[in-house]
Amino acid sequence: MAISKELGIIVNTFWLKIAGLAVVVVGVIFLISVIRGGKTQTESEPPPTFYDQAEEDKKRFLAEPQQVQEQDSVTYDKKADEPPEPTQLYFKPLSEIDEIEAEKLLGVAVPGRSIGRLPMTGFKLMVDGCREIIRRWPDSWYAYRAKQMLADMPPRDRQRYNITQEELDVSRFAEPRPGTKPFNMKESR
């Protein structure tokens, strides 16, 4: 019996030493992280969340252009702190049914863009929607936005989905073509 009591005391002190060592190790790790980190989460701006990026995509790609009204042009000196003037682009107006269909496709492509940024996902939904818009309404505002979304994809994903230069080229919207009307676009970049 005396041996088991002594053995019990020896065993208890052994585990006590292990627990003490674990507390010291955790304390050292915490101290190193405080010294090395320097900044706390409250000091730095937190990175945008998925939902923030999705809302930004909606604002950026679903903003409608404004048709140019016939008015006297007023010129004034532009100050450096003023935002840039809207860009004048030329789009072909769509019929009401085409407008609804294009809006529906763009409404699928924009969330597809947000989803494509998540890990382990791809931009297939967005790419398919954009290609359908460009194929069906190549001179429309929707095609312009679709081309912008394709151009904003990371290069490795553009290569993965075989995005061509023709699908990225928005220069055709800068000059008037038969059947197009001028619109003012605020640059979204």
Protein backbone atom coordinates (compact mmCIF):
# COMPACT_ATOMS: atom_id res chain seq x y z
CA MET A 1 0.00 0.00 0.00
CA ALA A 2 2.82 2.39 0.80
CA ILE A 3 4.26 1.95 -2.68
CA SER A 4 0.97 2.78 -4.41
CA LYS A 5 0.61 5.95 -2.31
CA GLU A 6 4.10 7.05 -3.26
CA LEU A 7 3.43 6.11 -6.88
CA GLY A 8 0.18 8.13 -6.81
CA ILE A 9 2.02 11.20 -5.54
CA ILE A 10 4.71 10.77 -8.19
CA VAL A 11 2.08 10.40 -10.95
CA ASN A 12 0.15 13.44 -9.72
CA THR A 13 3.24 15.65 -9.73
CA PHE A 14 4.16 14.39 -13.22
CA TRP A 15 0.80 15.55 -14.69
CA LEU A 16 1.03 18.78 -12.74
CA LYS A 17 4.39 19.49 -14.37
CA ILE A 18 2.92 18.74 -17.85
CA ALA A 19 -0.01 21.10 -17.22
CA GLY A 20 2.34 23.83 -15.99
CA LEU A 21 4.52 23.46 -19.08
CA ALA A 22 1.44 23.71 -21.36
CA VAL A 23 0.39 26.98 -19.67
CA VAL A 24 3.90 28.40 -20.14
CA VAL A 25 3.91 27.42 -23.86
CA VAL A 26 0.50 29.05 -24.46
CA GLY A 27 1.70 32.18 -22.67
CA VAL A 28 4.85 32.39 -24.81
CA ILE A 29 2.82 31.95 -28.02
CA PHE A 30 0.42 34.70 -26.95
CA LEU A 31 3.30 37.02 -26.06
CA ILE A 32 4.99 36.42 -29.43
CA SER A 33 1.76 37.09 -31.34
CA VAL A 34 1.22 40.38 -29.47
CA ILE A 35 4.79 41.55 -30.09
CA ARG A 36 4.83 40.46 -33.73
CA GLY A 37 1.31 41.59 -34.68
CA GLY A 38 1.61 45.22 -33.68
CA LYS A 39 -1.90 46.05 -34.94
CA THR A 40 -5.22 45.01 -33.56
CA GLN A 41 -8.30 44.32 -35.68
CA THR A 42 -9.90 47.61 -34.58
CA GLU A 43 -7.01 49.69 -35.97
CA SER A 44 -6.99 48.27 -39.49
CA GLU A 45 -9.84 48.29 -42.02
CA PRO A 46 -11.42 44.83 -42.19
CA PRO A 47 -11.38 43.25 -45.66
CA PRO A 48 -14.67 43.44 -47.56
CA THR A 49 -16.94 40.47 -47.06
CA PHE A 50 -18.55 38.42 -49.82
CA TYR A 51 -21.80 40.33 -49.31
CA ASP A 52 -20.04 43.69 -49.60
CA GLN A 53 -18.49 42.60 -52.90
CA ALA A 54 -21.84 41.31 -54.18
CA GLU A 55 -23.51 44.65 -53.39
CA GLU A 56 -20.67 46.51 -55.12
CA ASP A 57 -21.14 44.31 -58.22
CA LYS A 58 -24.86 45.07 -58.27
CA LYS A 59 -24.25 48.82 -58.05
CA ARG A 60 -21.50 48.71 -60.64
CA PHE A 61 -23.00 46.49 -63.33
CA LEU A 62 -26.72 47.08 -62.98
CA ALA A 63 -26.64 50.92 -63.09
CA GLU A 64 -28.63 52.09 -66.11
CA PRO A 65 -27.10 54.61 -68.54
CA GLN A 66 -28.78 57.97 -69.08
CA GLN A 67 -29.82 58.90 -72.60
CA VAL A 68 -28.34 62.19 -73.80
CA GLN A 69 -30.88 65.01 -74.01
CA GLU A 70 -30.62 67.68 -76.69
CA GLN A 71 -29.48 70.76 -74.72
CA ASP A 72 -27.15 73.68 -75.08
CA SER A 73 -23.77 72.52 -73.95
CA VAL A 74 -22.35 74.59 -71.11
CA THR A 75 -18.60 74.74 -70.79
CA TYR A 76 -16.80 75.59 -67.59
CA ASP A 77 -13.39 75.18 -66.08
CA LYS A 78 -12.97 71.75 -64.60
CA LYS A 79 -11.43 71.62 -61.15
CA ALA A 80 -9.05 68.85 -60.20
CA ASP A 81 -11.19 67.67 -57.28
CA GLU A 82 -14.34 67.18 -59.37
CA PRO A 83 -15.26 63.70 -60.53
CA PRO A 84 -14.66 62.93 -64.20
CA GLU A 85 -17.40 63.73 -66.68
CA PRO A 86 -19.58 60.84 -67.74
CA THR A 87 -18.39 59.08 -70.86
CA GLN A 88 -20.64 59.27 -73.89
CA LEU A 89 -21.23 55.85 -75.41
CA TYR A 90 -23.57 54.64 -78.16
CA PHE A 91 -26.03 51.80 -77.63
CA LYS A 92 -28.82 50.33 -79.66
CA PRO A 93 -32.16 50.55 -77.84
CA LEU A 94 -33.87 47.20 -77.32
CA SER A 95 -37.52 46.31 -77.62
CA GLU A 96 -39.41 45.85 -74.38
CA ILE A 97 -39.27 42.04 -74.58
CA ASP A 98 -35.57 42.02 -75.44
CA GLU A 99 -34.94 44.48 -72.61
CA ILE A 100 -36.64 42.15 -70.13
CA GLU A 101 -34.73 39.09 -71.38
CA ALA A 102 -31.39 40.91 -71.36
CA GLU A 103 -32.07 42.26 -67.88
CA LYS A 104 -32.85 38.75 -66.68
CA LEU A 105 -29.61 37.36 -68.13
CA LEU A 106 -27.56 40.22 -66.66
CA GLY A 107 -29.35 39.64 -63.35
CA VAL A 108 -27.99 36.09 -63.39
CA ALA A 109 -24.51 37.04 -64.59
CA VAL A 110 -23.83 39.64 -61.86
CA PRO A 111 -24.40 37.22 -58.94
CA GLY A 112 -22.45 34.63 -60.96
CA ARG A 113 -19.53 37.06 -60.88
CA SER A 114 -19.79 37.37 -57.09
CA ILE A 115 -20.04 33.60 -56.66
CA GLY A 116 -17.05 33.09 -58.97
CA ARG A 117 -14.82 34.93 -56.51
CA LEU A 118 -15.47 32.38 -53.78
CA PRO A 119 -12.94 29.59 -53.26
CA MET A 120 -13.64 26.31 -55.06
CA THR A 121 -16.13 27.93 -57.46
CA GLY A 122 -15.86 29.24 -60.99
CA PHE A 123 -17.19 31.98 -63.22
CA LYS A 124 -19.10 29.62 -65.56
CA LEU A 125 -22.52 31.03 -64.71
CA MET A 126 -21.31 34.57 -65.39
CA VAL A 127 -19.41 33.65 -68.56
CA ASP A 128 -22.38 31.79 -70.06
CA GLY A 129 -24.74 34.69 -69.28
CA CYS A 130 -22.34 37.29 -70.68
CA ARG A 131 -21.74 35.31 -73.86
CA GLU A 132 -25.49 34.90 -74.41
CA ILE A 133 -26.03 38.66 -73.98
CA ILE A 134 -23.19 39.51 -76.38
CA ARG A 135 -24.49 37.01 -78.93
CA ARG A 136 -28.13 38.16 -78.86
CA TRP A 137 -27.74 41.95 -78.35
CA PRO A 138 -24.21 42.92 -79.45
CA ASP A 139 -24.87 46.69 -79.68
CA SER A 140 -26.80 47.07 -76.42
CA TRP A 141 -25.89 48.49 -73.06
CA TYR A 142 -26.18 44.95 -71.69
CA ALA A 143 -23.45 43.73 -74.06
CA TYR A 144 -21.23 46.60 -72.88
CA ARG A 145 -21.69 45.56 -69.25
CA ALA A 146 -21.17 41.89 -70.13
CA LYS A 147 -17.87 42.75 -71.84
CA GLN A 148 -16.81 44.75 -68.79
CA MET A 149 -17.51 41.81 -66.50
CA LEU A 150 -15.52 39.45 -68.73
CA ALA A 151 -12.62 41.94 -68.81
CA ASP A 152 -12.61 42.17 -64.99
CA MET A 153 -12.07 38.44 -64.57
CA PRO A 154 -8.63 37.32 -63.36
CA PRO A 155 -6.32 36.38 -66.30
CA ARG A 156 -6.14 32.72 -65.29
CA ASP A 157 -9.94 32.48 -65.41
CA ARG A 158 -10.09 34.28 -68.77
CA GLN A 159 -7.72 31.65 -70.09
CA ARG A 160 -9.68 28.85 -68.42
CA TYR A 161 -12.93 29.91 -70.14
CA ASN A 162 -11.22 30.85 -73.44
CA ILE A 163 -12.33 34.49 -73.38
CA THR A 164 -11.35 36.08 -76.71
CA GLN A 165 -10.21 39.64 -77.40
CA GLU A 166 -13.40 40.18 -79.40
CA GLU A 167 -15.43 39.38 -76.28
CA LEU A 168 -13.40 41.95 -74.31
CA ASP A 169 -13.34 44.78 -76.88
CA VAL A 170 -15.61 47.70 -75.91
CA SER A 171 -14.23 50.18 -78.44
CA ARG A 172 -17.26 49.73 -80.73
CA PHE A 173 -19.42 51.56 -78.20
CA ALA A 174 -17.32 54.74 -78.35
CA GLU A 175 -18.46 55.80 -81.83
CA PRO A 176 -21.93 56.16 -83.32
CA ARG A 177 -23.19 53.35 -85.53
CA PRO A 178 -26.44 53.07 -87.48
CA GLY A 179 -29.37 52.55 -85.12
CA THR A 180 -27.51 53.61 -81.95
CA LYS A 181 -28.26 56.48 -79.61
CA PRO A 182 -25.86 58.37 -77.32
CA PHE A 183 -25.92 57.61 -73.59
CA ASN A 184 -23.93 59.04 -70.71
CA MET A 185 -22.16 56.45 -68.60
CA LYS A 186 -20.48 57.14 -65.30
CA GLU A 187 -17.25 55.18 -65.17
CA SER A 188 -17.56 52.39 -62.65
CA ARG A 189 -13.87 51.64 -62.23
